[in-house]
Amino acid sequence: MAATEEVFYEQLDHGVFRATEHTVGPWSDKAQHLGPVAALLVRGIECCEPDERRSVRRVSVDVLGPVPVDEVTVRAEVARPGRSVELVTAEIAASGRIAATARAWRMLRSDTADVARDDARRLTDPAECPAMPLPAGWAGGYADALEWRTASTATPEPGHAEVWARQRMPLVAGEEPSPLQRLFAVADCASGVSSSLPFERWAFANTDLTVHLARQPHGEWVGLDARMTLGPDGAGLTRTTLHDAAGPVGQSAQALLPTRL
């Protein structure tokens, strides 16, 4: 890989990474977007005592504080081993402080093709979708590190969005991202693309991201059918059906803290 190739992270040592400017989020040029952070945590989970008989079925990411655009350390371990189900935890730390954690359930695979079903509506194939203009105030850093497409020709309704996105660059230098890493690099965008709040007047950072998977994702494109709900007392929630090019793969949820700027 050429030294000039753009990436989200450069690996400095085992479990040690340097974040690049492509991880910068919308709220501060000194803090990473949760998308790359979640993907890096999932990479740690996938690398922790891997077993091809098992698949990740749920991941819950909790944000404990801003993740600086700087050197970070990722650590993962099997917290609860089991024959059919195991719990794997991961954490990302910077300057001696844990900034985000993840808990993942890995379960044994089995053949359930004869009873498989999913009634969720499909998104339009990404190859048939036009480029999506980014919302006002949502540009640079991470936002420009992804390719965006609009998955619906209908007039957008406040709080609902159907979009496709894929990484323009690797997560870690010298590596091809796994489909699961690609999914988590995009999933956190659901609250941004579906927001009914203007970026110039509101911040709506999420404290968590929880993803349940009905099957393993495939390919580069990640689809979001996302809806934001805002309550009357300072709470928000984004619920999303996650897709790959073959159809729905799971659901995600994010708790939001709307704040006037």
C-alpha atoms as a PDB file:
ATOM      1  CA  MET A   1       0.000   0.000   0.000  1.00  0.00           C
ATOM      2  CA  ALA A   2       1.358   3.407  -0.923  1.00  0.00           C
ATOM      3  CA  ALA A   3       2.165   5.647   2.004  1.00  0.00           C
ATOM      4  CA  THR A   4      -0.103   8.334   0.576  1.00  0.00           C
ATOM      5  CA  GLU A   5      -3.205   6.141   0.425  1.00  0.00           C
ATOM      6  CA  GLU A   6      -6.096   7.551   2.416  1.00  0.00           C
ATOM      7  CA  VAL A   7      -7.323   5.513   5.392  1.00  0.00           C
ATOM      8  CA  PHE A   8      -9.257   5.996   8.627  1.00  0.00           C
ATOM      9  CA  TYR A   9      -6.484   4.530  10.807  1.00  0.00           C
ATOM     10  CA  GLU A  10      -2.796   3.728  10.584  1.00  0.00           C
ATOM     11  CA  GLN A  11      -1.685   0.806  12.740  1.00  0.00           C
ATOM     12  CA  LEU A  12       1.331   1.673  14.895  1.00  0.00           C
ATOM     13  CA  ASP A  13       1.582  -1.515  16.953  1.00  0.00           C
ATOM     14  CA  HIS A  14      -0.606  -4.429  18.004  1.00  0.00           C
ATOM     15  CA  GLY A  15      -3.841  -2.794  19.151  1.00  0.00           C
ATOM     16  CA  VAL A  16      -2.463   0.736  18.706  1.00  0.00           C
ATOM     17  CA  PHE A  17      -3.738   3.017  15.924  1.00  0.00           C
ATOM     18  CA  ARG A  18      -3.381   6.613  14.799  1.00  0.00           C
ATOM     19  CA  ALA A  19      -6.636   8.218  13.642  1.00  0.00           C
ATOM     20  CA  THR A  20      -6.446  10.312  10.478  1.00  0.00           C
ATOM     21  CA  GLU A  21      -8.394  13.433   9.554  1.00  0.00           C
ATOM     22  CA  HIS A  22     -10.931  11.203   7.767  1.00  0.00           C
ATOM     23  CA  THR A  23     -12.365  10.140  11.142  1.00  0.00           C
ATOM     24  CA  VAL A  24     -13.390  13.705  12.101  1.00  0.00           C
ATOM     25  CA  GLY A  25     -17.052  13.982  13.112  1.00  0.00           C
ATOM     26  CA  PRO A  26     -19.574  16.812  12.664  1.00  0.00           C
ATOM     27  CA  TRP A  27     -19.484  18.266  16.182  1.00  0.00           C
ATOM     28  CA  SER A  28     -15.762  18.998  16.612  1.00  0.00           C
ATOM     29  CA  ASP A  29     -12.650  18.788  14.439  1.00  0.00           C
ATOM     30  CA  LYS A  30     -10.849  17.259  17.426  1.00  0.00           C
ATOM     31  CA  ALA A  31     -13.276  14.337  17.950  1.00  0.00           C
ATOM     32  CA  GLN A  32     -13.876  11.247  15.838  1.00  0.00           C
ATOM     33  CA  HIS A  33     -17.213  10.267  14.346  1.00  0.00           C
ATOM     34  CA  LEU A  34     -18.615   7.159  16.005  1.00  0.00           C
ATOM     35  CA  GLY A  35     -18.733   5.336  12.646  1.00  0.00           C
ATOM     36  CA  PRO A  36     -14.982   4.621  12.359  1.00  0.00           C
ATOM     37  CA  VAL A  37     -14.766   4.112  16.139  1.00  0.00           C
ATOM     38  CA  ALA A  38     -17.527   1.471  16.076  1.00  0.00           C
ATOM     39  CA  ALA A  39     -15.933  -0.230  13.075  1.00  0.00           C
ATOM     40  CA  LEU A  40     -12.546  -0.336  14.837  1.00  0.00           C
ATOM     41  CA  LEU A  41     -14.171  -1.861  17.941  1.00  0.00           C
ATOM     42  CA  VAL A  42     -15.850  -4.484  15.732  1.00  0.00           C
ATOM     43  CA  ARG A  43     -12.490  -5.223  14.110  1.00  0.00           C
ATOM     44  CA  GLY A  44     -11.138  -5.886  17.605  1.00  0.00           C
ATOM     45  CA  ILE A  45     -14.052  -8.225  18.315  1.00  0.00           C
ATOM     46  CA  GLU A  46     -13.548 -10.098  15.043  1.00  0.00           C
ATOM     47  CA  CYS A  47      -9.819 -10.527  15.779  1.00  0.00           C
ATOM     48  CA  CYS A  48     -10.428 -11.796  19.333  1.00  0.00           C
ATOM     49  CA  GLU A  49     -10.179 -15.597  19.368  1.00  0.00           C
ATOM     50  CA  PRO A  50     -11.911 -15.930  15.973  1.00  0.00           C
ATOM     51  CA  ASP A  51     -13.953 -19.052  15.270  1.00  0.00           C
ATOM     52  CA  GLU A  52     -15.410 -19.567  11.786  1.00  0.00           C
ATOM     53  CA  ARG A  53     -18.276 -21.566  13.304  1.00  0.00           C
ATOM     54  CA  ARG A  54     -19.624 -18.440  15.024  1.00  0.00           C
ATOM     55  CA  SER A  55     -21.048 -15.122  13.865  1.00  0.00           C
ATOM     56  CA  VAL A  56     -21.646 -11.816  15.602  1.00  0.00           C
ATOM     57  CA  ARG A  57     -25.397 -11.396  16.143  1.00  0.00           C
ATOM     58  CA  ARG A  58     -25.578  -8.291  18.324  1.00  0.00           C
ATOM     59  CA  VAL A  59     -23.218  -5.439  19.131  1.00  0.00           C
ATOM     60  CA  SER A  60     -23.903  -2.631  21.588  1.00  0.00           C
ATOM     61  CA  VAL A  61     -21.522   0.332  21.532  1.00  0.00           C
ATOM     62  CA  ASP A  62     -21.510   2.859  24.377  1.00  0.00           C
ATOM     63  CA  VAL A  63     -19.809   6.241  24.119  1.00  0.00           C
ATOM     64  CA  LEU A  64     -18.131   7.283  27.378  1.00  0.00           C
ATOM     65  CA  GLY A  65     -16.619  10.488  26.044  1.00  0.00           C
ATOM     66  CA  PRO A  66     -15.148  12.121  22.929  1.00  0.00           C
ATOM     67  CA  VAL A  67     -12.655   9.956  21.043  1.00  0.00           C
ATOM     68  CA  PRO A  68      -9.819  12.303  20.022  1.00  0.00           C
ATOM     69  CA  VAL A  69      -8.394  12.364  16.507  1.00  0.00           C
ATOM     70  CA  ASP A  70      -5.137  11.002  17.848  1.00  0.00           C
ATOM     71  CA  GLU A  71      -3.483   7.762  18.912  1.00  0.00           C
ATOM     72  CA  VAL A  72      -5.913   5.191  20.330  1.00  0.00           C
ATOM     73  CA  THR A  73      -5.606   1.713  21.801  1.00  0.00           C
ATOM     74  CA  VAL A  74      -8.089  -1.118  21.239  1.00  0.00           C
ATOM     75  CA  ARG A  75      -8.378  -4.120  23.541  1.00  0.00           C
ATOM     76  CA  ALA A  76     -10.823  -7.047  23.256  1.00  0.00           C
ATOM     77  CA  GLU A  77     -11.467 -10.218  25.236  1.00  0.00           C
ATOM     78  CA  VAL A  78     -13.944 -13.083  25.550  1.00  0.00           C
ATOM     79  CA  ALA A  79     -15.796 -12.034  28.702  1.00  0.00           C
ATOM     80  CA  ARG A  80     -18.172 -14.994  28.835  1.00  0.00           C
ATOM     81  CA  PRO A  81     -17.168 -18.157  26.925  1.00  0.00           C
ATOM     82  CA  GLY A  82     -19.763 -20.729  25.941  1.00  0.00           C
ATOM     83  CA  ARG A  83     -20.302 -23.695  23.635  1.00  0.00           C
ATOM     84  CA  SER A  84     -23.027 -22.037  21.559  1.00  0.00           C
ATOM     85  CA  VAL A  85     -23.077 -18.396  22.722  1.00  0.00           C
ATOM     86  CA  GLU A  86     -20.214 -16.211  23.905  1.00  0.00           C
ATOM     87  CA  LEU A  87     -19.866 -12.587  24.960  1.00  0.00           C
ATOM     88  CA  VAL A  88     -16.928 -10.595  23.584  1.00  0.00           C
ATOM     89  CA  THR A  89     -16.109  -7.138  24.898  1.00  0.00           C
ATOM     90  CA  ALA A  90     -13.895  -4.423  23.424  1.00  0.00           C
ATOM     91  CA  GLU A  91     -12.787  -0.965  24.468  1.00  0.00           C
ATOM     92  CA  ILE A  92     -11.033   1.948  22.821  1.00  0.00           C
ATOM     93  CA  ALA A  93      -8.862   4.233  24.940  1.00  0.00           C
ATOM     94  CA  ALA A  94      -6.947   7.451  24.381  1.00  0.00           C
ATOM     95  CA  SER A  95      -4.552   9.232  26.745  1.00  0.00           C
ATOM     96  CA  GLY A  96      -5.232   6.611  29.411  1.00  0.00           C
ATOM     97  CA  ARG A  97      -9.016   7.118  29.308  1.00  0.00           C
ATOM     98  CA  ILE A  98     -11.572   4.612  28.007  1.00  0.00           C
ATOM     99  CA  ALA A  99     -13.671   6.525  25.481  1.00  0.00           C
ATOM    100  CA  ALA A 100     -15.973   3.828  24.063  1.00  0.00           C
ATOM    101  CA  THR A 101     -16.856   0.205  24.735  1.00  0.00           C
ATOM    102  CA  ALA A 102     -18.589  -2.580  22.809  1.00  0.00           C
ATOM    103  CA  ARG A 103     -20.299  -5.809  23.881  1.00  0.00           C
ATOM    104  CA  ALA A 104     -20.969  -8.451  21.236  1.00  0.00           C
ATOM    105  CA  TRP A 105     -22.814 -11.752  21.308  1.00  0.00           C
ATOM    106  CA  ARG A 106     -21.261 -14.371  19.037  1.00  0.00           C
ATOM    107  CA  MET A 107     -23.420 -17.406  18.326  1.00  0.00           C
ATOM    108  CA  LEU A 108     -22.978 -20.730  16.569  1.00  0.00           C
ATOM    109  CA  ARG A 109     -24.109 -20.835  12.957  1.00  0.00           C
ATOM    110  CA  SER A 110     -26.611 -23.436  11.771  1.00  0.00           C
ATOM    111  CA  ASP A 111     -28.648 -24.163   8.640  1.00  0.00           C
ATOM    112  CA  THR A 112     -32.066 -22.470   8.878  1.00  0.00           C
ATOM    113  CA  ALA A 113     -32.465 -21.729   5.156  1.00  0.00           C
ATOM    114  CA  ASP A 114     -35.672 -23.768   4.906  1.00  0.00           C
ATOM    115  CA  VAL A 115     -37.452 -21.554   7.473  1.00  0.00           C
ATOM    116  CA  ALA A 116     -35.763 -18.220   6.751  1.00  0.00           C
ATOM    117  CA  ARG A 117     -38.028 -15.235   6.062  1.00  0.00           C
ATOM    118  CA  ASP A 118     -37.917 -11.459   6.128  1.00  0.00           C
ATOM    119  CA  ASP A 119     -40.900  -9.315   5.215  1.00  0.00           C
ATOM    120  CA  ALA A 120     -39.036  -5.992   5.375  1.00  0.00           C
ATOM    121  CA  ARG A 121     -39.233  -3.804   2.283  1.00  0.00           C
ATOM    122  CA  ARG A 122     -36.153  -3.702   0.037  1.00  0.00           C
ATOM    123  CA  LEU A 123     -34.346  -0.507  -0.830  1.00  0.00           C
ATOM    124  CA  THR A 124     -33.691   0.388  -4.459  1.00  0.00           C
ATOM    125  CA  ASP A 125     -30.449  -1.205  -5.683  1.00  0.00           C
ATOM    126  CA  PRO A 126     -27.536   1.197  -5.022  1.00  0.00           C
ATOM    127  CA  ALA A 127     -26.419   0.900  -8.651  1.00  0.00           C
ATOM    128  CA  GLU A 128     -29.712   2.559  -9.657  1.00  0.00           C
ATOM    129  CA  CYS A 129     -29.591   5.371  -7.086  1.00  0.00           C
ATOM    130  CA  PRO A 130     -28.324   8.926  -7.672  1.00  0.00           C
ATOM    131  CA  ALA A 131     -25.656  10.674  -5.626  1.00  0.00           C
ATOM    132  CA  MET A 132     -26.962  12.197  -2.398  1.00  0.00           C
ATOM    133  CA  PRO A 133     -26.134  15.792  -1.470  1.00  0.00           C
ATOM    134  CA  LEU A 134     -24.960  16.018   2.119  1.00  0.00           C
ATOM    135  CA  PRO A 135     -27.051  18.048   4.590  1.00  0.00           C
ATOM    136  CA  ALA A 136     -25.939  21.637   5.198  1.00  0.00           C
ATOM    137  CA  GLY A 137     -23.119  21.724   7.717  1.00  0.00           C
ATOM    138  CA  TRP A 138     -22.331  18.024   7.291  1.00  0.00           C
ATOM    139  CA  ALA A 139     -19.132  17.924   5.240  1.00  0.00           C
ATOM    140  CA  GLY A 140     -15.407  17.260   5.499  1.00  0.00           C
ATOM    141  CA  GLY A 141     -13.657  14.566   7.495  1.00  0.00           C
ATOM    142  CA  TYR A 142     -15.712  11.423   7.857  1.00  0.00           C
ATOM    143  CA  ALA A 143     -18.673  12.698   5.796  1.00  0.00           C
ATOM    144  CA  ASP A 144     -16.467  13.060   2.717  1.00  0.00           C
ATOM    145  CA  ALA A 145     -14.767   9.698   3.359  1.00  0.00           C
ATOM    146  CA  LEU A 146     -17.971   7.896   2.306  1.00  0.00           C
ATOM    147  CA  GLU A 147     -19.807   7.763  -1.007  1.00  0.00           C
ATOM    148  CA  TRP A 148     -23.512   8.589  -0.556  1.00  0.00           C
ATOM    149  CA  ARG A 149     -26.541   7.748  -2.685  1.00  0.00           C
ATOM    150  CA  THR A 150     -30.238   8.498  -2.269  1.00  0.00           C
ATOM    151  CA  ALA A 151     -32.283   5.291  -2.113  1.00  0.00           C
ATOM    152  CA  SER A 152     -35.711   6.917  -2.520  1.00  0.00           C
ATOM    153  CA  THR A 153     -37.107   9.149  -5.274  1.00  0.00           C
ATOM    154  CA  ALA A 154     -39.956  10.324  -3.024  1.00  0.00           C
ATOM    155  CA  THR A 155     -39.820  13.778  -1.442  1.00  0.00           C
ATOM    156  CA  PRO A 156     -38.005  13.310   1.887  1.00  0.00           C
ATOM    157  CA  GLU A 157     -40.220  13.580   4.943  1.00  0.00           C
ATOM    158  CA  PRO A 158     -38.801  15.086   8.154  1.00  0.00           C
ATOM    159  CA  GLY A 159     -37.256  12.412  10.337  1.00  0.00           C
ATOM    160  CA  HIS A 160     -37.076   9.716   7.643  1.00  0.00           C
ATOM    161  CA  ALA A 161     -34.323   8.875   5.156  1.00  0.00           C
ATOM    162  CA  GLU A 162     -33.415   6.034   2.818  1.00  0.00           C
ATOM    163  CA  VAL A 163     -29.776   6.155   1.757  1.00  0.00           C
ATOM    164  CA  TRP A 164     -26.846   4.025   0.682  1.00  0.00           C
ATOM    165  CA  ALA A 165     -23.232   4.615   1.694  1.00  0.00           C
ATOM    166  CA  ARG A 166     -19.891   2.918   1.275  1.00  0.00           C
ATOM    167  CA  GLN A 167     -16.346   3.662   2.389  1.00  0.00           C
ATOM    168  CA  ARG A 168     -14.049   5.393  -0.061  1.00  0.00           C
ATOM    169  CA  MET A 169     -11.005   4.087   1.839  1.00  0.00           C
ATOM    170  CA  PRO A 170      -9.868   1.202   4.088  1.00  0.00           C
ATOM    171  CA  LEU A 171     -10.586   1.242   7.807  1.00  0.00           C
ATOM    172  CA  VAL A 172      -6.980   0.273   8.658  1.00  0.00           C
ATOM    173  CA  ALA A 173      -4.026   0.773   6.330  1.00  0.00           C
ATOM    174  CA  GLY A 174      -3.078  -2.402   4.489  1.00  0.00           C
ATOM    175  CA  GLU A 175      -6.357  -4.232   5.221  1.00  0.00           C
ATOM    176  CA  GLU A 176      -9.578  -4.926   3.370  1.00  0.00           C
ATOM    177  CA  PRO A 177     -12.485  -4.112   5.720  1.00  0.00           C
ATOM    178  CA  SER A 178     -14.791  -7.015   6.536  1.00  0.00           C
ATOM    179  CA  PRO A 179     -18.474  -6.578   5.597  1.00  0.00           C
ATOM    180  CA  LEU A 180     -19.289  -6.265   9.309  1.00  0.00           C
ATOM    181  CA  GLN A 181     -16.720  -3.495   9.741  1.00  0.00           C
ATOM    182  CA  ARG A 182     -18.205  -1.730   6.719  1.00  0.00           C
ATOM    183  CA  LEU A 183     -21.692  -1.967   8.200  1.00  0.00           C
ATOM    184  CA  PHE A 184     -20.627  -0.412  11.511  1.00  0.00           C
ATOM    185  CA  ALA A 185     -18.656   2.313   9.760  1.00  0.00           C
ATOM    186  CA  VAL A 186     -21.971   3.489   8.262  1.00  0.00           C
ATOM    187  CA  ALA A 187     -24.669   2.474  10.772  1.00  0.00           C
ATOM    188  CA  ASP A 188     -24.080   5.409  13.120  1.00  0.00           C
ATOM    189  CA  CYS A 189     -24.932   7.825  10.274  1.00  0.00           C
ATOM    190  CA  ALA A 190     -28.630   6.944  10.602  1.00  0.00           C
ATOM    191  CA  SER A 191     -29.306   9.733  13.093  1.00  0.00           C
ATOM    192  CA  GLY A 192     -27.596  12.284  10.852  1.00  0.00           C
ATOM    193  CA  VAL A 193     -29.246  11.442   7.537  1.00  0.00           C
ATOM    194  CA  SER A 194     -32.734  11.101   9.079  1.00  0.00           C
ATOM    195  CA  SER A 195     -32.559  14.176  11.290  1.00  0.00           C
ATOM    196  CA  SER A 196     -35.514  16.550  11.330  1.00  0.00           C
ATOM    197  CA  LEU A 197     -33.309  19.108  13.143  1.00  0.00           C
ATOM    198  CA  PRO A 198     -31.113  21.633  11.270  1.00  0.00           C
ATOM    199  CA  PHE A 199     -27.385  21.102  11.874  1.00  0.00           C
ATOM    200  CA  GLU A 200     -26.742  24.822  12.175  1.00  0.00           C
ATOM    201  CA  ARG A 201     -29.094  25.150  15.168  1.00  0.00           C
ATOM    202  CA  TRP A 202     -29.055  21.728  16.854  1.00  0.00           C
ATOM    203  CA  ALA A 203     -26.608  19.078  17.985  1.00  0.00           C
ATOM    204  CA  PHE A 204     -28.008  15.589  18.511  1.00  0.00           C
ATOM    205  CA  ALA A 205     -25.104  13.385  19.521  1.00  0.00           C
ATOM    206  CA  ASN A 206     -25.978   9.786  20.352  1.00  0.00           C
ATOM    207  CA  THR A 207     -24.725   8.033  23.459  1.00  0.00           C
ATOM    208  CA  ASP A 208     -24.904   4.534  21.992  1.00  0.00           C
ATOM    209  CA  LEU A 209     -25.412   2.348  18.940  1.00  0.00           C
ATOM    210  CA  THR A 210     -27.008  -1.089  19.199  1.00  0.00           C
ATOM    211  CA  VAL A 211     -27.205  -3.409  16.190  1.00  0.00           C
ATOM    212  CA  HIS A 212     -29.042  -6.743  15.952  1.00  0.00           C
ATOM    213  CA  LEU A 213     -28.271  -8.897  12.914  1.00  0.00           C
ATOM    214  CA  ALA A 214     -30.546 -11.465  11.281  1.00  0.00           C
ATOM    215  CA  ARG A 215     -27.758 -12.541   8.926  1.00  0.00           C
ATOM    216  CA  GLN A 216     -24.231 -11.584   8.025  1.00  0.00           C
ATOM    217  CA  PRO A 217     -23.843  -8.591   5.677  1.00  0.00           C
ATOM    218  CA  HIS A 218     -22.089  -8.830   2.319  1.00  0.00           C
ATOM    219  CA  GLY A 219     -20.435  -6.389  -0.039  1.00  0.00           C
ATOM    220  CA  GLU A 220     -19.397  -2.754   0.198  1.00  0.00           C
ATOM    221  CA  TRP A 221     -22.735  -0.921   0.222  1.00  0.00           C
ATOM    222  CA  VAL A 222     -24.688  -0.351   3.442  1.00  0.00           C
ATOM    223  CA  GLY A 223     -28.298   0.832   3.239  1.00  0.00           C
ATOM    224  CA  LEU A 224     -30.113   2.808   5.922  1.00  0.00           C
ATOM    225  CA  ASP A 225     -33.900   3.049   6.199  1.00  0.00           C
ATOM    226  CA  ALA A 226     -33.822   5.379   9.193  1.00  0.00           C
ATOM    227  CA  ARG A 227     -36.460   7.174  11.268  1.00  0.00           C
ATOM    228  CA  MET A 228     -35.855   9.748  13.984  1.00  0.00           C
ATOM    229  CA  THR A 229     -38.356  10.287  16.814  1.00  0.00           C
ATOM    230  CA  LEU A 230     -38.131  13.317  19.099  1.00  0.00           C
ATOM    231  CA  GLY A 231     -39.873  13.511  22.463  1.00  0.00           C
ATOM    232  CA  PRO A 232     -41.081  16.635  24.313  1.00  0.00           C
ATOM    233  CA  ASP A 233     -38.586  16.469  27.184  1.00  0.00           C
ATOM    234  CA  GLY A 234     -35.168  16.418  25.527  1.00  0.00           C
ATOM    235  CA  ALA A 235     -34.988  12.825  24.319  1.00  0.00           C
ATOM    236  CA  GLY A 236     -34.584  11.392  20.847  1.00  0.00           C
ATOM    237  CA  LEU A 237     -34.388   7.977  19.205  1.00  0.00           C
ATOM    238  CA  THR A 238     -33.329   6.762  15.776  1.00  0.00           C
ATOM    239  CA  ARG A 239     -34.463   3.312  14.605  1.00  0.00           C
ATOM    240  CA  THR A 240     -33.059   1.875  11.399  1.00  0.00           C
ATOM    241  CA  THR A 241     -33.390  -1.146   9.154  1.00  0.00           C
ATOM    242  CA  LEU A 242     -29.913  -1.975   7.867  1.00  0.00           C
ATOM    243  CA  HIS A 243     -29.442  -3.362   4.352  1.00  0.00           C
ATOM    244  CA  ASP A 244     -26.844  -4.715   2.022  1.00  0.00           C
ATOM    245  CA  ALA A 245     -27.409  -5.000  -1.738  1.00  0.00           C
ATOM    246  CA  ALA A 246     -29.281  -8.314  -1.239  1.00  0.00           C
ATOM    247  CA  GLY A 247     -31.811  -6.931   1.274  1.00  0.00           C
ATOM    248  CA  PRO A 248     -32.289  -6.267   4.994  1.00  0.00           C
ATOM    249  CA  VAL A 249     -29.637  -7.607   7.372  1.00  0.00           C
ATOM    250  CA  GLY A 250     -30.759  -6.253  10.759  1.00  0.00           C
ATOM    251  CA  GLN A 251     -31.918  -3.373  12.926  1.00  0.00           C
ATOM    252  CA  SER A 252     -30.159  -0.602  14.826  1.00  0.00           C
ATOM    253  CA  ALA A 253     -31.149   1.908  17.509  1.00  0.00           C
ATOM    254  CA  GLN A 254     -29.515   5.081  18.847  1.00  0.00           C
ATOM    255  CA  ALA A 255     -30.417   7.169  21.893  1.00  0.00           C
ATOM    256  CA  LEU A 256     -30.099  10.886  21.114  1.00  0.00           C
ATOM    257  CA  LEU A 257     -29.470  13.985  23.204  1.00  0.00           C
ATOM    258  CA  PRO A 258     -30.872  16.978  21.243  1.00  0.00           C
ATOM    259  CA  THR A 259     -29.119  20.213  22.250  1.00  0.00           C
ATOM    260  CA  ARG A 260     -29.735  23.754  20.988  1.00  0.00           C
ATOM    261  CA  LEU A 261     -26.565  25.425  19.680  1.00  0.00           C
END
